[in-house]
Amino acid sequence: MEFFSDLMWWGLLSCALAAAIAPAFFQKIRFPILAATALFCLVMVTAMYFVTGTVSAITGSVLTLFAGLTALLVTLIISGINTMLKKRYR
């Protein structure tokens, strides 16, 4: 668990998290955006593996996946609530 003190790992993790969360801010999620995001996250996790080891890459990939799915779920819930409110007050 020495990778927690490595600044390179934190930089790679923050880039991967930013890339995973970014598609949630677009109005329409398209396949090219998702593919580019997935490729960028994969490159960041691979860099984590080569720089700091296997455990750090697994930790980074789990955190990135969790952040991306959470952002997508929150976006879908907020979008659903907004759609419900628009239909209710017509």
N, C-alpha and C. Protein backbone atom coordinates (compact mmCIF):
# COMPACT_ATOMS: atom_id res chain seq x y z
N MET A 1 0.81 -1.20 0.00
CA MET A 1 0.00 0.00 0.00
C MET A 1 0.85 1.26 0.00
N GLU A 2 2.04 1.16 -0.51
CA GLU A 2 2.93 2.31 -0.59
C GLU A 2 2.48 3.31 -1.65
N PHE A 3 1.64 2.86 -2.57
CA PHE A 3 1.24 3.73 -3.68
C PHE A 3 0.39 4.90 -3.22
N PHE A 4 -0.18 4.84 -2.02
CA PHE A 4 -0.96 5.97 -1.52
C PHE A 4 -0.10 7.22 -1.31
N SER A 5 1.20 7.03 -1.11
CA SER A 5 2.09 8.17 -0.92
C SER A 5 2.76 8.62 -2.22
N ASP A 6 2.43 7.96 -3.32
CA ASP A 6 3.04 8.29 -4.61
C ASP A 6 2.19 9.33 -5.34
N LEU A 7 2.79 10.48 -5.63
CA LEU A 7 2.05 11.56 -6.29
C LEU A 7 1.67 11.20 -7.73
N MET A 8 2.47 10.38 -8.37
CA MET A 8 2.17 9.96 -9.74
C MET A 8 0.86 9.15 -9.78
N TRP A 9 0.68 8.30 -8.79
CA TRP A 9 -0.56 7.50 -8.73
C TRP A 9 -1.76 8.41 -8.52
N TRP A 10 -1.63 9.41 -7.65
CA TRP A 10 -2.75 10.32 -7.41
C TRP A 10 -3.08 11.12 -8.65
N GLY A 11 -2.06 11.53 -9.39
CA GLY A 11 -2.30 12.26 -10.64
C GLY A 11 -3.00 11.40 -11.67
N LEU A 12 -2.54 10.16 -11.82
CA LEU A 12 -3.19 9.25 -12.76
C LEU A 12 -4.62 8.94 -12.34
N LEU A 13 -4.83 8.77 -11.04
CA LEU A 13 -6.18 8.50 -10.54
C LEU A 13 -7.10 9.68 -10.78
N SER A 14 -6.62 10.89 -10.55
CA SER A 14 -7.49 12.05 -10.76
C SER A 14 -7.83 12.23 -12.24
N CYS A 15 -6.88 11.95 -13.13
CA CYS A 15 -7.18 12.01 -14.58
C CYS A 15 -8.21 10.96 -14.97
N ALA A 16 -8.06 9.75 -14.44
CA ALA A 16 -9.01 8.68 -14.75
C ALA A 16 -10.40 9.00 -14.19
N LEU A 17 -10.46 9.54 -12.97
CA LEU A 17 -11.75 9.90 -12.39
C LEU A 17 -12.42 11.03 -13.16
N ALA A 18 -11.64 12.01 -13.56
CA ALA A 18 -12.21 13.12 -14.35
C ALA A 18 -12.75 12.61 -15.68
N ALA A 19 -12.04 11.70 -16.30
CA ALA A 19 -12.50 11.14 -17.57
C ALA A 19 -13.74 10.28 -17.38
N ALA A 20 -13.82 9.56 -16.27
CA ALA A 20 -14.98 8.70 -16.03
C ALA A 20 -16.23 9.50 -15.72
N ILE A 21 -16.07 10.63 -15.08
CA ILE A 21 -17.22 11.46 -14.69
C ILE A 21 -17.66 12.38 -15.83
N ALA A 22 -16.77 12.71 -16.74
CA ALA A 22 -17.05 13.69 -17.80
C ALA A 22 -18.28 13.37 -18.66
N PRO A 23 -18.53 12.12 -19.08
CA PRO A 23 -19.72 11.88 -19.93
C PRO A 23 -21.05 12.20 -19.25
N ALA A 24 -21.07 12.25 -17.94
CA ALA A 24 -22.32 12.56 -17.23
C ALA A 24 -22.74 14.01 -17.45
N PHE A 25 -21.82 14.87 -17.88
CA PHE A 25 -22.14 16.28 -18.07
C PHE A 25 -22.64 16.60 -19.47
N PHE A 26 -22.61 15.65 -20.37
CA PHE A 26 -23.09 15.87 -21.73
C PHE A 26 -24.59 15.64 -21.79
N GLN A 27 -25.28 16.37 -22.67
CA GLN A 27 -26.72 16.22 -22.82
C GLN A 27 -27.07 14.85 -23.37
N LYS A 28 -26.38 14.47 -24.43
CA LYS A 28 -26.62 13.16 -25.03
C LYS A 28 -25.32 12.37 -24.96
N ILE A 29 -25.40 11.18 -24.41
CA ILE A 29 -24.22 10.34 -24.31
C ILE A 29 -24.14 9.50 -25.57
N ARG A 30 -23.10 9.74 -26.34
CA ARG A 30 -22.92 9.03 -27.61
C ARG A 30 -21.81 8.00 -27.47
N PHE A 31 -21.83 7.02 -28.38
CA PHE A 31 -20.85 5.95 -28.33
C PHE A 31 -19.41 6.43 -28.49
N PRO A 32 -19.11 7.36 -29.41
CA PRO A 32 -17.71 7.80 -29.52
C PRO A 32 -17.18 8.45 -28.24
N ILE A 33 -18.03 9.17 -27.53
CA ILE A 33 -17.61 9.78 -26.28
C ILE A 33 -17.33 8.71 -25.24
N LEU A 34 -18.20 7.72 -25.16
CA LEU A 34 -17.98 6.63 -24.22
C LEU A 34 -16.75 5.82 -24.56
N ALA A 35 -16.53 5.57 -25.85
CA ALA A 35 -15.36 4.80 -26.26
C ALA A 35 -14.07 5.56 -25.95
N ALA A 36 -14.05 6.85 -26.22
CA ALA A 36 -12.87 7.65 -25.91
C ALA A 36 -12.61 7.70 -24.41
N THR A 37 -13.67 7.83 -23.63
CA THR A 37 -13.53 7.86 -22.18
C THR A 37 -13.00 6.54 -21.66
N ALA A 38 -13.57 5.44 -22.15
CA ALA A 38 -13.12 4.12 -21.71
C ALA A 38 -11.66 3.88 -22.09
N LEU A 39 -11.27 4.30 -23.28
CA LEU A 39 -9.89 4.13 -23.71
C LEU A 39 -8.94 4.96 -22.86
N PHE A 40 -9.31 6.20 -22.57
CA PHE A 40 -8.47 7.05 -21.73
C PHE A 40 -8.34 6.48 -20.32
N CYS A 41 -9.44 5.99 -19.75
CA CYS A 41 -9.38 5.38 -18.42
C CYS A 41 -8.52 4.12 -18.44
N LEU A 42 -8.63 3.34 -19.50
CA LEU A 42 -7.80 2.14 -19.62
C LEU A 42 -6.32 2.49 -19.70
N VAL A 43 -5.99 3.54 -20.42
CA VAL A 43 -4.60 4.00 -20.50
C VAL A 43 -4.10 4.45 -19.13
N MET A 44 -4.94 5.17 -18.39
CA MET A 44 -4.53 5.63 -17.07
C MET A 44 -4.32 4.46 -16.10
N VAL A 45 -5.21 3.48 -16.14
CA VAL A 45 -5.08 2.31 -15.25
C VAL A 45 -3.85 1.48 -15.65
N THR A 46 -3.59 1.37 -16.95
CA THR A 46 -2.39 0.66 -17.40
C THR A 46 -1.13 1.39 -16.94
N ALA A 47 -1.15 2.70 -17.00
CA ALA A 47 -0.01 3.48 -16.50
C ALA A 47 0.16 3.27 -15.00
N MET A 48 -0.96 3.20 -14.27
CA MET A 48 -0.88 2.90 -12.83
C MET A 48 -0.21 1.56 -12.60
N TYR A 49 -0.56 0.59 -13.41
CA TYR A 49 0.01 -0.75 -13.27
C TYR A 49 1.51 -0.73 -13.48
N PHE A 50 1.97 -0.05 -14.53
CA PHE A 50 3.40 -0.04 -14.83
C PHE A 50 4.20 0.83 -13.86
N VAL A 51 3.57 1.88 -13.32
CA VAL A 51 4.30 2.78 -12.43
C VAL A 51 4.33 2.25 -11.00
N THR A 52 3.20 1.80 -10.48
CA THR A 52 3.14 1.46 -9.06
C THR A 52 2.74 0.03 -8.74
N GLY A 53 2.29 -0.75 -9.70
CA GLY A 53 2.02 -2.16 -9.42
C GLY A 53 0.58 -2.58 -9.59
N THR A 54 0.36 -3.86 -9.33
CA THR A 54 -0.93 -4.49 -9.56
C THR A 54 -2.02 -3.99 -8.61
N VAL A 55 -1.71 -3.92 -7.33
CA VAL A 55 -2.72 -3.53 -6.33
C VAL A 55 -3.21 -2.11 -6.60
N SER A 56 -2.29 -1.24 -6.97
CA SER A 56 -2.70 0.14 -7.24
C SER A 56 -3.56 0.23 -8.49
N ALA A 57 -3.27 -0.60 -9.49
CA ALA A 57 -4.09 -0.59 -10.71
C ALA A 57 -5.49 -1.12 -10.43
N ILE A 58 -5.58 -2.15 -9.62
CA ILE A 58 -6.90 -2.69 -9.26
C ILE A 58 -7.68 -1.66 -8.44
N THR A 59 -7.01 -1.02 -7.49
CA THR A 59 -7.67 0.01 -6.68
C THR A 59 -8.13 1.18 -7.55
N GLY A 60 -7.27 1.61 -8.45
CA GLY A 60 -7.63 2.71 -9.34
C GLY A 60 -8.77 2.37 -10.27
N SER A 61 -8.78 1.14 -10.79
CA SER A 61 -9.87 0.76 -11.70
C SER A 61 -11.20 0.63 -10.96
N VAL A 62 -11.17 0.12 -9.74
CA VAL A 62 -12.40 0.02 -8.95
C VAL A 62 -12.95 1.41 -8.62
N LEU A 63 -12.06 2.30 -8.18
CA LEU A 63 -12.50 3.67 -7.87
C LEU A 63 -13.03 4.39 -9.10
N THR A 64 -12.36 4.21 -10.23
CA THR A 64 -12.80 4.85 -11.47
C THR A 64 -14.16 4.32 -11.92
N LEU A 65 -14.31 3.00 -11.87
CA LEU A 65 -15.59 2.39 -12.25
C LEU A 65 -16.71 2.85 -11.33
N PHE A 66 -16.45 2.88 -10.04
CA PHE A 66 -17.46 3.31 -9.08
C PHE A 66 -17.85 4.77 -9.31
N ALA A 67 -16.87 5.64 -9.55
CA ALA A 67 -17.16 7.06 -9.78
C ALA A 67 -17.95 7.26 -11.06
N GLY A 68 -17.58 6.55 -12.12
CA GLY A 68 -18.30 6.68 -13.39
C GLY A 68 -19.73 6.20 -13.30
N LEU A 69 -19.93 5.04 -12.66
CA LEU A 69 -21.29 4.52 -12.53
C LEU A 69 -22.14 5.37 -11.60
N THR A 70 -21.55 5.89 -10.55
CA THR A 70 -22.29 6.77 -9.64
C THR A 70 -22.71 8.06 -10.35
N ALA A 71 -21.80 8.65 -11.11
CA ALA A 71 -22.14 9.87 -11.86
C ALA A 71 -23.24 9.60 -12.87
N LEU A 72 -23.17 8.46 -13.56
CA LEU A 72 -24.20 8.11 -14.53
C LEU A 72 -25.55 7.89 -13.84
N LEU A 73 -25.56 7.21 -12.71
CA LEU A 73 -26.79 6.95 -11.99
C LEU A 73 -27.42 8.25 -11.47
N VAL A 74 -26.60 9.14 -10.92
CA VAL A 74 -27.12 10.42 -10.42
C VAL A 74 -27.69 11.25 -11.57
N THR A 75 -27.01 11.24 -12.70
CA THR A 75 -27.49 11.98 -13.86
C THR A 75 -28.82 11.42 -14.36
N LEU A 76 -28.94 10.11 -14.40
CA LEU A 76 -30.20 9.50 -14.84
C LEU A 76 -31.34 9.80 -13.87
N ILE A 77 -31.06 9.78 -12.59
CA ILE A 77 -32.10 10.07 -11.59
C ILE A 77 -32.55 11.53 -11.71
N ILE A 78 -31.60 12.45 -11.81
CA ILE A 78 -31.96 13.87 -11.93
C ILE A 78 -32.72 14.12 -13.23
N SER A 79 -32.30 13.49 -14.31
CA SER A 79 -32.99 13.64 -15.59
C SER A 79 -34.41 13.08 -15.50
N GLY A 80 -34.58 11.97 -14.82
CA GLY A 80 -35.91 11.39 -14.65
C GLY A 80 -36.82 12.26 -13.81
N ILE A 81 -36.27 12.86 -12.77
CA ILE A 81 -37.06 13.76 -11.92
C ILE A 81 -37.48 14.99 -12.71
N ASN A 82 -36.56 15.56 -13.49
CA ASN A 82 -36.91 16.72 -14.31
C ASN A 82 -37.99 16.38 -15.33
N THR A 83 -37.90 15.22 -15.96
CA THR A 83 -38.91 14.80 -16.93
C THR A 83 -40.26 14.60 -16.26
N MET A 84 -40.26 13.99 -15.06
CA MET A 84 -41.51 13.80 -14.33
C MET A 84 -42.16 15.14 -13.99
N LEU A 85 -41.35 16.09 -13.55
CA LEU A 85 -41.91 17.39 -13.19
C LEU A 85 -42.47 18.12 -14.40
N LYS A 86 -41.82 18.01 -15.53
CA LYS A 86 -42.33 18.66 -16.75
C LYS A 86 -43.65 18.04 -17.18
N LYS A 87 -43.79 16.73 -17.08
CA LYS A 87 -45.03 16.07 -17.48
C LYS A 87 -46.16 16.36 -16.49
N ARG A 88 -45.82 16.51 -15.23
CA ARG A 88 -46.84 16.71 -14.21
C ARG A 88 -47.47 18.10 -14.31
N TYR A 89 -46.70 19.10 -14.64
CA TYR A 89 -47.19 20.46 -14.64
C TYR A 89 -47.56 20.97 -16.03
N ARG A 90 -47.85 20.11 -16.95
CA ARG A 90 -48.29 20.54 -18.29
C ARG A 90 -49.75 20.84 -18.29
